[in-house]
Protein backbone atom coordinates (compact mmCIF):
# COMPACT_ATOMS: atom_id res chain seq x y z
CA MET A 1 100.67 -76.18 74.63
CA GLU A 2 100.97 -77.35 78.26
CA PRO A 3 100.44 -75.19 81.25
CA THR A 4 104.27 -74.98 81.67
CA ASP A 5 104.87 -73.50 78.84
CA ILE A 6 102.05 -70.77 79.38
CA ILE A 7 103.03 -70.29 82.81
CA TRP A 8 106.97 -69.48 81.15
CA ARG A 9 105.81 -67.63 78.43
CA LEU A 10 104.06 -65.50 80.99
CA LEU A 11 107.20 -65.04 83.56
CA GLU A 12 109.08 -64.46 80.22
CA ARG A 13 106.73 -61.26 79.29
CA VAL A 14 106.18 -60.30 82.84
CA ASP A 15 110.30 -60.11 83.51
CA LEU A 16 110.06 -58.22 79.88
CA CYS A 17 108.10 -55.63 81.36
CA SER A 18 110.14 -55.34 84.56
CA GLN A 19 112.96 -54.51 82.40
CA THR A 20 111.29 -51.56 80.48
CA PHE A 21 110.49 -50.55 83.68
CA GLU A 22 114.00 -50.27 85.18
CA GLU A 23 115.17 -48.73 81.87
CA SER A 24 112.54 -46.14 81.91
CA TYR A 25 112.38 -45.40 85.43
CA GLN A 26 116.24 -44.91 84.95
CA GLN A 27 115.82 -42.24 82.46
CA LEU A 28 113.24 -39.90 83.97
CA ASP A 29 114.22 -36.65 86.43
CA PRO A 30 112.83 -37.36 89.76
CA LYS A 31 111.99 -33.70 90.20
CA GLN A 32 110.26 -33.08 86.55
CA HIS A 33 108.47 -36.50 86.65
CA HIS A 34 107.21 -37.65 89.92
CA ASP A 35 104.04 -38.53 89.33
CA LEU A 36 105.38 -41.13 86.33
CA LEU A 37 108.33 -42.40 88.47
CA ARG A 38 105.31 -42.90 91.17
CA ALA A 39 103.32 -44.94 88.54
CA ILE A 40 106.39 -47.20 87.24
CA GLU A 41 106.85 -47.90 90.64
CA GLU A 42 103.19 -49.16 91.27
CA CYS A 43 103.39 -50.77 87.82
CA GLU A 44 106.34 -52.53 89.06
CA ARG A 45 104.36 -53.64 92.50
CA LEU A 46 102.17 -55.11 90.46
CA ALA A 47 104.66 -56.97 88.14
CA HIS A 48 106.18 -58.63 91.49
CA THR A 49 102.64 -59.75 91.99
CA GLN A 50 102.40 -61.23 88.94
CA LYS A 51 105.60 -62.86 89.21
CA ASN A 52 104.52 -64.36 92.53
CA ILE A 53 101.19 -65.59 91.42
CA LEU A 54 103.05 -67.51 88.61
CA ASN A 55 105.41 -68.76 90.35
CA ARG A 56 102.71 -70.32 92.37
CA MET A 57 101.07 -71.84 89.75
CA ARG A 58 104.84 -73.42 88.50
CA ARG A 59 104.71 -75.01 91.81
CA ARG A 60 101.46 -76.51 91.35
CA TYR A 61 102.01 -77.77 87.53
CA PRO A 62 105.56 -78.81 87.59
C-alpha cells in the first residue's frame, strides 16, 4: 500500500467521524445535553485538525 492510499483511507475515516458528529449533534437537546454537545464540538475540532494534518501530508506525497 502506498502512502497516498493510506492518507486517502485516513481522510475517509475522519470524514465519516465528522458526519457522525454532525448527525449526533442535531439529535440532542441543547438544554438537556449541553455537556455532551460541547464534547462533540471538541471532537469536531480535533477531526478538523486531523484533516489539516493529513492534507499537509497529501501535498508532501503527491
